[in-house]
């Protein structure tokens, strides 16, 4: 979620773009690292942005798999992520983490 001092300054398009960027970058990162393990030039990739809030949020998402499936009308792509909820949900009290993580 993105919060602004004034609700009038909230830009839904920017929040949506950030959410979409997580999956877009994750797909590219997984491909780069896969090819790196196969002898390619790059073993790792990082996301660089001047959006301080987003740069912290994207660190909470670790893509660990992607699956592509041909369908009758296109291609279905599924990602699996490990999400560091404790880091992401900083406003949640420690004693509440168990309820969320279960």
PDB file of N, CA and C in Angstrom:
ATOM      1  N   UNK A   1       0.837  -1.172   0.000  1.00  0.00           N
ATOM      2  CA  UNK A   1       0.000   0.000   0.000  1.00  0.00           C
ATOM      3  C   UNK A   1       0.879   1.231   0.000  1.00  0.00           C
ATOM      4  N   UNK A   2       0.369   2.258  -0.584  1.00  0.00           N
ATOM      5  CA  UNK A   2       1.076   3.527  -0.586  1.00  0.00           C
ATOM      6  C   UNK A   2       0.227   4.547   0.141  1.00  0.00           C
ATOM      7  N   UNK A   3       0.848   5.287   1.024  1.00  0.00           N
ATOM      8  CA  UNK A   3       0.140   6.302   1.783  1.00  0.00           C
ATOM      9  C   UNK A   3       0.781   7.652   1.532  1.00  0.00           C
ATOM     10  N   UNK A   4      -0.027   8.653   1.427  1.00  0.00           N
ATOM     11  CA  UNK A   4       0.424  10.028   1.266  1.00  0.00           C
ATOM     12  C   UNK A   4      -0.117  10.837   2.434  1.00  0.00           C
ATOM     13  N   UNK A   5       0.518  11.965   2.700  1.00  0.00           N
ATOM     14  CA  UNK A   5       0.041  12.830   3.781  1.00  0.00           C
ATOM     15  C   UNK A   5      -1.395  13.258   3.523  1.00  0.00           C
ATOM     16  N   UNK A   6      -1.716  13.497   2.262  1.00  0.00           N
ATOM     17  CA  UNK A   6      -3.071  13.872   1.883  1.00  0.00           C
ATOM     18  C   UNK A   6      -3.640  12.789   0.965  1.00  0.00           C
ATOM     19  N   UNK A   7      -4.817  12.239   1.293  1.00  0.00           N
ATOM     20  CA  UNK A   7      -5.421  11.223   0.421  1.00  0.00           C
ATOM     21  C   UNK A   7      -5.641  11.715  -1.007  1.00  0.00           C
ATOM     22  N   UNK A   8      -5.771  13.026  -1.185  1.00  0.00           N
ATOM     23  CA  UNK A   8      -5.965  13.586  -2.523  1.00  0.00           C
ATOM     24  C   UNK A   8      -4.743  13.388  -3.412  1.00  0.00           C
ATOM     25  N   UNK A   9      -3.577  13.169  -2.814  1.00  0.00           N
ATOM     26  CA  UNK A   9      -2.345  13.007  -3.592  1.00  0.00           C
ATOM     27  C   UNK A   9      -2.059  11.549  -3.950  1.00  0.00           C
ATOM     28  N   UNK A  10      -2.920  10.641  -3.506  1.00  0.00           N
ATOM     29  CA  UNK A  10      -2.740   9.222  -3.831  1.00  0.00           C
ATOM     30  C   UNK A  10      -2.938   9.015  -5.326  1.00  0.00           C
ATOM     31  N   UNK A  11      -2.026   8.302  -5.951  1.00  0.00           N
ATOM     32  CA  UNK A  11      -2.106   8.021  -7.384  1.00  0.00           C
ATOM     33  C   UNK A  11      -2.253   6.514  -7.572  1.00  0.00           C
ATOM     34  N   UNK A  12      -3.464   6.087  -7.852  1.00  0.00           N
ATOM     35  CA  UNK A  12      -3.735   4.657  -8.009  1.00  0.00           C
ATOM     36  C   UNK A  12      -2.896   4.054  -9.129  1.00  0.00           C
ATOM     37  N   UNK A  13      -2.670   4.820 -10.182  1.00  0.00           N
ATOM     38  CA  UNK A  13      -1.888   4.316 -11.312  1.00  0.00           C
ATOM     39  C   UNK A  13      -0.463   3.994 -10.885  1.00  0.00           C
ATOM     40  N   UNK A  14       0.108   4.826 -10.020  1.00  0.00           N
ATOM     41  CA  UNK A  14       1.469   4.598  -9.550  1.00  0.00           C
ATOM     42  C   UNK A  14       1.539   3.355  -8.677  1.00  0.00           C
ATOM     43  N   UNK A  15       0.561   3.170  -7.807  1.00  0.00           N
ATOM     44  CA  UNK A  15       0.524   1.978  -6.952  1.00  0.00           C
ATOM     45  C   UNK A  15       0.369   0.721  -7.805  1.00  0.00           C
ATOM     46  N   UNK A  16      -0.509   0.766  -8.803  1.00  0.00           N
ATOM     47  CA  UNK A  16      -0.705  -0.378  -9.693  1.00  0.00           C
ATOM     48  C   UNK A  16       0.569  -0.674 -10.481  1.00  0.00           C
ATOM     49  N   UNK A  17       1.232   0.369 -10.955  1.00  0.00           N
ATOM     50  CA  UNK A  17       2.478   0.177 -11.702  1.00  0.00           C
ATOM     51  C   UNK A  17       3.533  -0.500 -10.827  1.00  0.00           C
ATOM     52  N   UNK A  18       3.606  -0.119  -9.557  1.00  0.00           N
ATOM     53  CA  UNK A  18       4.557  -0.755  -8.645  1.00  0.00           C
ATOM     54  C   UNK A  18       4.250  -2.239  -8.478  1.00  0.00           C
ATOM     55  N   UNK A  19       2.989  -2.567  -8.290  1.00  0.00           N
ATOM     56  CA  UNK A  19       2.586  -3.967  -8.129  1.00  0.00           C
ATOM     57  C   UNK A  19       2.938  -4.768  -9.380  1.00  0.00           C
ATOM     58  N   UNK A  20       2.650  -4.203 -10.541  1.00  0.00           N
ATOM     59  CA  UNK A  20       2.944  -4.893 -11.797  1.00  0.00           C
ATOM     60  C   UNK A  20       4.451  -5.037 -12.000  1.00  0.00           C
ATOM     61  N   UNK A  21       5.208  -4.066 -11.533  1.00  0.00           N
ATOM     62  CA  UNK A  21       6.662  -4.094 -11.698  1.00  0.00           C
ATOM     63  C   UNK A  21       7.296  -5.252 -10.928  1.00  0.00           C
ATOM     64  N   UNK A  22       6.718  -5.615  -9.792  1.00  0.00           N
ATOM     65  CA  UNK A  22       7.259  -6.728  -9.008  1.00  0.00           C
ATOM     66  C   UNK A  22       7.263  -8.007  -9.836  1.00  0.00           C
ATOM     67  N   UNK A  23       6.147  -8.322 -10.480  1.00  0.00           N
ATOM     68  CA  UNK A  23       6.107  -9.553 -11.284  1.00  0.00           C
ATOM     69  C   UNK A  23       6.931  -9.420 -12.564  1.00  0.00           C
ATOM     70  N   UNK A  24       6.903  -8.240 -13.174  1.00  0.00           N
ATOM     71  CA  UNK A  24       7.670  -8.050 -14.414  1.00  0.00           C
ATOM     72  C   UNK A  24       9.168  -8.209 -14.146  1.00  0.00           C
ATOM     73  N   UNK A  25       9.663  -7.542 -13.108  1.00  0.00           N
ATOM     74  CA  UNK A  25      11.084  -7.654 -12.788  1.00  0.00           C
ATOM     75  C   UNK A  25      11.433  -9.072 -12.350  1.00  0.00           C
ATOM     76  N   UNK A  26      10.562  -9.691 -11.574  1.00  0.00           N
ATOM     77  CA  UNK A  26      10.833 -11.042 -11.076  1.00  0.00           C
ATOM     78  C   UNK A  26      11.006 -12.029 -12.217  1.00  0.00           C
ATOM     79  N   UNK A  27      10.186 -11.907 -13.251  1.00  0.00           N
ATOM     80  CA  UNK A  27      10.310 -12.800 -14.404  1.00  0.00           C
ATOM     81  C   UNK A  27      11.665 -12.608 -15.080  1.00  0.00           C
ATOM     82  N   UNK A  28      12.057 -11.372 -15.275  1.00  0.00           N
ATOM     83  CA  UNK A  28      13.345 -11.089 -15.918  1.00  0.00           C
ATOM     84  C   UNK A  28      14.493 -11.572 -15.038  1.00  0.00           C
ATOM     85  N   UNK A  29      14.400 -11.317 -13.731  1.00  0.00           N
ATOM     86  CA  UNK A  29      15.435 -11.750 -12.788  1.00  0.00           C
ATOM     87  C   UNK A  29      15.607 -13.268 -12.824  1.00  0.00           C
ATOM     88  N   UNK A  30      14.498 -14.002 -12.802  1.00  0.00           N
ATOM     89  CA  UNK A  30      14.586 -15.461 -12.855  1.00  0.00           C
ATOM     90  C   UNK A  30      15.237 -15.932 -14.151  1.00  0.00           C
ATOM     91  N   UNK A  31      14.920 -15.277 -15.273  1.00  0.00           N
ATOM     92  CA  UNK A  31      15.520 -15.659 -16.554  1.00  0.00           C
ATOM     93  C   UNK A  31      17.018 -15.381 -16.568  1.00  0.00           C
ATOM     94  N   UNK A  32      17.404 -14.191 -16.109  1.00  0.00           N
ATOM     95  CA  UNK A  32      18.826 -13.828 -16.083  1.00  0.00           C
ATOM     96  C   UNK A  32      19.606 -14.817 -15.234  1.00  0.00           C
ATOM     97  N   UNK A  33      19.074 -15.118 -14.056  1.00  0.00           N
ATOM     98  CA  UNK A  33      19.789 -16.007 -13.150  1.00  0.00           C
ATOM     99  C   UNK A  33      19.793 -17.455 -13.652  1.00  0.00           C
ATOM    100  N   UNK A  34      18.742 -17.864 -14.335  1.00  0.00           N
ATOM    101  CA  UNK A  34      18.723 -19.204 -14.944  1.00  0.00           C
ATOM    102  C   UNK A  34      19.829 -19.307 -15.995  1.00  0.00           C
ATOM    103  N   UNK A  35      19.884 -18.328 -16.902  1.00  0.00           N
ATOM    104  CA  UNK A  35      20.905 -18.366 -17.944  1.00  0.00           C
ATOM    105  C   UNK A  35      22.306 -18.227 -17.353  1.00  0.00           C
ATOM    106  N   UNK A  36      22.432 -17.485 -16.261  1.00  0.00           N
ATOM    107  CA  UNK A  36      23.720 -17.379 -15.583  1.00  0.00           C
ATOM    108  C   UNK A  36      24.196 -18.723 -15.061  1.00  0.00           C
ATOM    109  N   UNK A  37      23.279 -19.513 -14.523  1.00  0.00           N
ATOM    110  CA  UNK A  37      23.640 -20.852 -14.039  1.00  0.00           C
ATOM    111  C   UNK A  37      23.974 -21.797 -15.190  1.00  0.00           C
ATOM    112  N   UNK A  38      23.510 -21.469 -16.390  1.00  0.00           N
ATOM    113  CA  UNK A  38      23.799 -22.288 -17.570  1.00  0.00           C
ATOM    114  C   UNK A  38      25.074 -21.826 -18.277  1.00  0.00           C
ATOM    115  N   UNK A  39      25.805 -20.895 -17.673  1.00  0.00           N
ATOM    116  CA  UNK A  39      27.054 -20.421 -18.258  1.00  0.00           C
ATOM    117  C   UNK A  39      26.974 -19.020 -18.817  1.00  0.00           C
ATOM    118  N   UNK A  40      25.851 -18.357 -18.644  1.00  0.00           N
ATOM    119  CA  UNK A  40      25.705 -16.984 -19.122  1.00  0.00           C
ATOM    120  C   UNK A  40      26.568 -16.007 -18.334  1.00  0.00           C
ATOM    121  N   UNK A  41      26.556 -14.767 -18.750  1.00  0.00           N
ATOM    122  CA  UNK A  41      27.445 -13.758 -18.177  1.00  0.00           C
ATOM    123  C   UNK A  41      27.050 -13.301 -16.781  1.00  0.00           C
ATOM    124  N   UNK A  42      25.763 -13.324 -16.448  1.00  0.00           N
ATOM    125  CA  UNK A  42      25.305 -12.714 -15.203  1.00  0.00           C
ATOM    126  C   UNK A  42      24.641 -13.751 -14.300  1.00  0.00           C
ATOM    127  N   UNK A  43      25.083 -13.794 -13.055  1.00  0.00           N
ATOM    128  CA  UNK A  43      24.508 -14.736 -12.099  1.00  0.00           C
ATOM    129  C   UNK A  43      23.400 -14.104 -11.266  1.00  0.00           C
ATOM    130  N   UNK A  44      23.431 -12.794 -11.116  1.00  0.00           N
ATOM    131  CA  UNK A  44      22.463 -12.104 -10.264  1.00  0.00           C
ATOM    132  C   UNK A  44      22.003 -10.815 -10.931  1.00  0.00           C
ATOM    133  N   UNK A  45      20.851 -10.331 -10.496  1.00  0.00           N
ATOM    134  CA  UNK A  45      20.358  -9.035 -10.963  1.00  0.00           C
ATOM    135  C   UNK A  45      19.686  -8.336  -9.792  1.00  0.00           C
ATOM    136  N   UNK A  46      19.710  -7.020  -9.814  1.00  0.00           N
ATOM    137  CA  UNK A  46      19.078  -6.207  -8.776  1.00  0.00           C
ATOM    138  C   UNK A  46      18.220  -5.144  -9.428  1.00  0.00           C
ATOM    139  N   UNK A  47      17.189  -4.746  -8.704  1.00  0.00           N
ATOM    140  CA  UNK A  47      16.287  -3.692  -9.171  1.00  0.00           C
ATOM    141  C   UNK A  47      16.773  -2.375  -8.585  1.00  0.00           C
ATOM    142  N   UNK A  48      17.006  -1.386  -9.423  1.00  0.00           N
ATOM    143  CA  UNK A  48      17.485  -0.081  -8.979  1.00  0.00           C
ATOM    144  C   UNK A  48      16.435   0.963  -9.330  1.00  0.00           C
ATOM    145  N   UNK A  49      16.051   1.752  -8.334  1.00  0.00           N
ATOM    146  CA  UNK A  49      15.071   2.810  -8.537  1.00  0.00           C
ATOM    147  C   UNK A  49      15.353   3.945  -7.567  1.00  0.00           C
ATOM    148  N   UNK A  50      14.886   5.141  -7.911  1.00  0.00           N
ATOM    149  CA  UNK A  50      15.014   6.257  -6.971  1.00  0.00           C
ATOM    150  C   UNK A  50      13.767   6.398  -6.096  1.00  0.00           C
ATOM    151  N   UNK A  51      12.829   5.477  -6.238  1.00  0.00           N
ATOM    152  CA  UNK A  51      11.628   5.441  -5.398  1.00  0.00           C
ATOM    153  C   UNK A  51      11.988   4.659  -4.135  1.00  0.00           C
ATOM    154  N   UNK A  52      12.343   5.384  -3.076  1.00  0.00           N
ATOM    155  CA  UNK A  52      12.831   4.740  -1.855  1.00  0.00           C
ATOM    156  C   UNK A  52      11.833   3.749  -1.265  1.00  0.00           C
ATOM    157  N   UNK A  53      10.564   4.115  -1.241  1.00  0.00           N
ATOM    158  CA  UNK A  53       9.548   3.226  -0.691  1.00  0.00           C
ATOM    159  C   UNK A  53       9.444   1.937  -1.480  1.00  0.00           C
ATOM    160  N   UNK A  54       9.405   2.061  -2.797  1.00  0.00           N
ATOM    161  CA  UNK A  54       9.286   0.870  -3.642  1.00  0.00           C
ATOM    162  C   UNK A  54      10.533  -0.002  -3.563  1.00  0.00           C
ATOM    163  N   UNK A  55      11.702   0.626  -3.464  1.00  0.00           N
ATOM    164  CA  UNK A  55      12.928  -0.176  -3.386  1.00  0.00           C
ATOM    165  C   UNK A  55      12.949  -1.031  -2.125  1.00  0.00           C
ATOM    166  N   UNK A  56      12.328  -0.570  -1.051  1.00  0.00           N
ATOM    167  CA  UNK A  56      12.234  -1.382   0.169  1.00  0.00           C
ATOM    168  C   UNK A  56      11.166  -2.463   0.032  1.00  0.00           C
ATOM    169  N   UNK A  57      10.056  -2.142  -0.610  1.00  0.00           N
ATOM    170  CA  UNK A  57       8.976  -3.121  -0.778  1.00  0.00           C
ATOM    171  C   UNK A  57       9.420  -4.282  -1.660  1.00  0.00           C
ATOM    172  N   UNK A  58      10.093  -3.991  -2.758  1.00  0.00           N
ATOM    173  CA  UNK A  58      10.474  -5.066  -3.687  1.00  0.00           C
ATOM    174  C   UNK A  58      11.466  -6.036  -3.041  1.00  0.00           C
ATOM    175  N   UNK A  59      12.219  -5.576  -2.048  1.00  0.00           N
ATOM    176  CA  UNK A  59      13.145  -6.461  -1.338  1.00  0.00           C
ATOM    177  C   UNK A  59      12.405  -7.524  -0.527  1.00  0.00           C
ATOM    178  N   UNK A  60      11.139  -7.297  -0.244  1.00  0.00           N
ATOM    179  CA  UNK A  60      10.340  -8.246   0.545  1.00  0.00           C
ATOM    180  C   UNK A  60       9.840  -9.412  -0.297  1.00  0.00           C
ATOM    181  N   UNK A  61       9.933  -9.315  -1.605  1.00  0.00           N
ATOM    182  CA  UNK A  61       9.431 -10.347  -2.516  1.00  0.00           C
ATOM    183  C   UNK A  61      10.599 -11.074  -3.161  1.00  0.00           C
ATOM    184  N   UNK A  62      10.669 -12.370  -2.975  1.00  0.00           N
ATOM    185  CA  UNK A  62      11.714 -13.195  -3.590  1.00  0.00           C
ATOM    186  C   UNK A  62      11.042 -14.236  -4.476  1.00  0.00           C
ATOM    187  N   UNK A  63      11.151 -14.027  -5.773  1.00  0.00           N
ATOM    188  CA  UNK A  63      10.578 -14.996  -6.719  1.00  0.00           C
ATOM    189  C   UNK A  63      11.412 -16.265  -6.672  1.00  0.00           C
ATOM    190  N   UNK A  64      10.739 -17.395  -6.519  1.00  0.00           N
ATOM    191  CA  UNK A  64      11.489 -18.644  -6.477  1.00  0.00           C
ATOM    192  C   UNK A  64      11.056 -19.626  -7.555  1.00  0.00           C
ATOM    193  N   UNK A  65      10.157 -19.209  -8.418  1.00  0.00           N
ATOM    194  CA  UNK A  65       9.773 -20.091  -9.507  1.00  0.00           C
ATOM    195  C   UNK A  65       8.800 -19.438 -10.459  1.00  0.00           C
ATOM    196  N   UNK A  66       8.849 -19.891 -11.686  1.00  0.00           N
ATOM    197  CA  UNK A  66       7.907 -19.434 -12.701  1.00  0.00           C
ATOM    198  C   UNK A  66       7.516 -20.651 -13.532  1.00  0.00           C
ATOM    199  N   UNK A  67       6.257 -20.705 -13.898  1.00  0.00           N
ATOM    200  CA  UNK A  67       5.762 -21.822 -14.708  1.00  0.00           C
ATOM    201  C   UNK A  67       4.957 -21.240 -15.860  1.00  0.00           C
ATOM    202  N   UNK A  68       5.288 -21.654 -17.070  1.00  0.00           N
ATOM    203  CA  UNK A  68       4.565 -21.219 -18.263  1.00  0.00           C
ATOM    204  C   UNK A  68       3.737 -22.391 -18.777  1.00  0.00           C
ATOM    205  N   UNK A  69       2.516 -22.097 -19.161  1.00  0.00           N
ATOM    206  CA  UNK A  69       1.623 -23.142 -19.663  1.00  0.00           C
ATOM    207  C   UNK A  69       0.882 -22.612 -20.886  1.00  0.00           C
ATOM    208  N   UNK A  70       1.008 -23.330 -22.002  1.00  0.00           N
ATOM    209  CA  UNK A  70       0.255 -22.956 -23.199  1.00  0.00           C
ATOM    210  C   UNK A  70      -1.227 -23.246 -22.970  1.00  0.00           C
ATOM    211  N   UNK A  71      -2.061 -22.300 -23.378  1.00  0.00           N
ATOM    212  CA  UNK A  71      -3.507 -22.486 -23.294  1.00  0.00           C
ATOM    213  C   UNK A  71      -4.091 -22.325 -24.684  1.00  0.00           C
ATOM    214  N   UNK A  72      -5.375 -22.578 -24.831  1.00  0.00           N
ATOM    215  CA  UNK A  72      -6.023 -22.450 -26.138  1.00  0.00           C
ATOM    216  C   UNK A  72      -5.951 -21.033 -26.688  1.00  0.00           C
ATOM    217  N   UNK A  73      -5.943 -20.054 -25.794  1.00  0.00           N
ATOM    218  CA  UNK A  73      -5.977 -18.669 -26.262  1.00  0.00           C
ATOM    219  C   UNK A  73      -4.750 -17.851 -25.860  1.00  0.00           C
ATOM    220  N   UNK A  74      -3.664 -18.511 -25.483  1.00  0.00           N
ATOM    221  CA  UNK A  74      -2.466 -17.754 -25.147  1.00  0.00           C
ATOM    222  C   UNK A  74      -1.515 -18.531 -24.253  1.00  0.00           C
ATOM    223  N   UNK A  75      -0.897 -17.820 -23.342  1.00  0.00           N
ATOM    224  CA  UNK A  75       0.093 -18.388 -22.444  1.00  0.00           C
ATOM    225  C   UNK A  75      -0.255 -17.994 -21.020  1.00  0.00           C
ATOM    226  N   UNK A  76      -0.272 -18.951 -20.136  1.00  0.00           N
ATOM    227  CA  UNK A  76      -0.552 -18.703 -18.724  1.00  0.00           C
ATOM    228  C   UNK A  76       0.782 -18.761 -17.983  1.00  0.00           C
ATOM    229  N   UNK A  77       1.067 -17.737 -17.193  1.00  0.00           N
ATOM    230  CA  UNK A  77       2.300 -17.680 -16.429  1.00  0.00           C
ATOM    231  C   UNK A  77       1.965 -17.597 -14.951  1.00  0.00           C
ATOM    232  N   UNK A  78       2.578 -18.466 -14.163  1.00  0.00           N
ATOM    233  CA  UNK A  78       2.377 -18.455 -12.719  1.00  0.00           C
ATOM    234  C   UNK A  78       3.720 -18.261 -12.036  1.00  0.00           C
ATOM    235  N   UNK A  79       3.752 -17.368 -11.064  1.00  0.00           N
ATOM    236  CA  UNK A  79       4.948 -17.128 -10.272  1.00  0.00           C
ATOM    237  C   UNK A  79       4.726 -17.643  -8.869  1.00  0.00           C
ATOM    238  N   UNK A  80       5.790 -18.080  -8.248  1.00  0.00           N
ATOM    239  CA  UNK A  80       5.718 -18.367  -6.821  1.00  0.00           C
ATOM    240  C   UNK A  80       6.741 -17.463  -6.129  1.00  0.00           C
ATOM    241  N   UNK A  81       6.322 -16.914  -5.016  1.00  0.00           N
ATOM    242  CA  UNK A  81       7.141 -15.965  -4.272  1.00  0.00           C
ATOM    243  C   UNK A  81       7.245 -16.382  -2.817  1.00  0.00           C
ATOM    244  N   UNK A  82       8.351 -16.058  -2.216  1.00  0.00           N
ATOM    245  CA  UNK A  82       8.469 -16.025  -0.772  1.00  0.00           C
ATOM    246  C   UNK A  82       8.365 -14.557  -0.402  1.00  0.00           C
ATOM    247  N   UNK A  83       7.481 -14.246   0.526  1.00  0.00           N
ATOM    248  CA  UNK A  83       7.259 -12.856   0.916  1.00  0.00           C
ATOM    249  C   UNK A  83       7.638 -12.701   2.382  1.00  0.00           C
ATOM    250  N   UNK A  84       8.502 -11.748   2.658  1.00  0.00           N
ATOM    251  CA  UNK A  84       8.923 -11.455   4.024  1.00  0.00           C
ATOM    252  C   UNK A  84       7.878 -10.542   4.659  1.00  0.00           C
ATOM    253  N   UNK A  85       6.827 -11.155   5.198  1.00  0.00           N
ATOM    254  CA  UNK A  85       5.720 -10.372   5.749  1.00  0.00           C
ATOM    255  C   UNK A  85       6.128  -9.563   6.969  1.00  0.00           C
ATOM    256  N   UNK A  86       7.036 -10.079   7.771  1.00  0.00           N
ATOM    257  CA  UNK A  86       7.471  -9.322   8.952  1.00  0.00           C
ATOM    258  C   UNK A  86       8.125  -8.009   8.536  1.00  0.00           C
ATOM    259  N   UNK A  87       8.884  -8.048   7.482  1.00  0.00           N
ATOM    260  CA  UNK A  87       9.544  -6.830   6.986  1.00  0.00           C
ATOM    261  C   UNK A  87       8.552  -5.931   6.252  1.00  0.00           C
ATOM    262  N   UNK A  88       7.623  -6.547   5.538  1.00  0.00           N
ATOM    263  CA  UNK A  88       6.652  -5.799   4.746  1.00  0.00           C
ATOM    264  C   UNK A  88       5.601  -5.115   5.618  1.00  0.00           C
ATOM    265  N   UNK A  89       5.131  -5.807   6.627  1.00  0.00           N
ATOM    266  CA  UNK A  89       4.050  -5.293   7.481  1.00  0.00           C
ATOM    267  C   UNK A  89       4.627  -4.741   8.776  1.00  0.00           C
ATOM    268  N   UNK A  90       5.366  -3.660   8.668  1.00  0.00           N
ATOM    269  CA  UNK A  90       6.073  -3.104   9.821  1.00  0.00           C
ATOM    270  C   UNK A  90       5.148  -2.504  10.875  1.00  0.00           C
ATOM    271  N   UNK A  91       3.934  -2.195  10.518  1.00  0.00           N
ATOM    272  CA  UNK A  91       3.005  -1.604  11.480  1.00  0.00           C
ATOM    273  C   UNK A  91       2.295  -2.654  12.322  1.00  0.00           C
ATOM    274  N   UNK A  92       2.495  -3.917  12.008  1.00  0.00           N
ATOM    275  CA  UNK A  92       1.871  -5.002  12.755  1.00  0.00           C
ATOM    276  C   UNK A  92       2.754  -5.325  13.958  1.00  0.00           C
ATOM    277  N   UNK A  93       2.151  -5.441  15.121  1.00  0.00           N
ATOM    278  CA  UNK A  93       2.896  -5.771  16.334  1.00  0.00           C
ATOM    279  C   UNK A  93       3.430  -7.201  16.251  1.00  0.00           C
ATOM    280  N   UNK A  94       4.548  -7.446  16.907  1.00  0.00           N
ATOM    281  CA  UNK A  94       5.193  -8.759  16.883  1.00  0.00           C
ATOM    282  C   UNK A  94       4.230  -9.864  17.303  1.00  0.00           C
ATOM    283  N   UNK A  95       3.419  -9.621  18.326  1.00  0.00           N
ATOM    284  CA  UNK A  95       2.510 -10.666  18.796  1.00  0.00           C
ATOM    285  C   UNK A  95       1.376 -10.946  17.820  1.00  0.00           C
ATOM    286  N   UNK A  96       1.193 -10.098  16.808  1.00  0.00           N
ATOM    287  CA  UNK A  96       0.158 -10.310  15.799  1.00  0.00           C
ATOM    288  C   UNK A  96       0.668 -11.084  14.583  1.00  0.00           C
ATOM    289  N   UNK A  97       1.984 -11.214  14.437  1.00  0.00           N
ATOM    290  CA  UNK A  97       2.555 -11.887  13.265  1.00  0.00           C
ATOM    291  C   UNK A  97       2.044 -13.309  13.120  1.00  0.00           C
ATOM    292  N   UNK A  98       1.921 -14.026  14.218  1.00  0.00           N
ATOM    293  CA  UNK A  98       1.463 -15.410  14.160  1.00  0.00           C
ATOM    294  C   UNK A  98       0.095 -15.540  13.525  1.00  0.00           C
ATOM    295  N   UNK A  99      -0.802 -14.602  13.805  1.00  0.00           N
ATOM    296  CA  UNK A  99      -2.145 -14.646  13.228  1.00  0.00           C
ATOM    297  C   UNK A  99      -2.099 -14.447  11.713  1.00  0.00           C
ATOM    298  N   UNK A 100      -1.211 -13.591  11.266  1.00  0.00           N
ATOM    299  CA  UNK A 100      -1.123 -13.285   9.836  1.00  0.00           C
ATOM    300  C   UNK A 100      -0.402 -14.398   9.087  1.00  0.00           C
ATOM    301  N   UNK A 101       0.639 -14.940   9.680  1.00  0.00           N
ATOM    302  CA  UNK A 101       1.472 -15.926   9.000  1.00  0.00           C
ATOM    303  C   UNK A 101       0.867 -17.317   8.980  1.00  0.00           C
ATOM    304  N   UNK A 102      -0.148 -17.570   9.793  1.00  0.00           N
ATOM    305  CA  UNK A 102      -0.792 -18.889   9.805  1.00  0.00           C
ATOM    306  C   UNK A 102      -1.706 -19.067   8.623  1.00  0.00           C
TER     307      UNK A 102
END
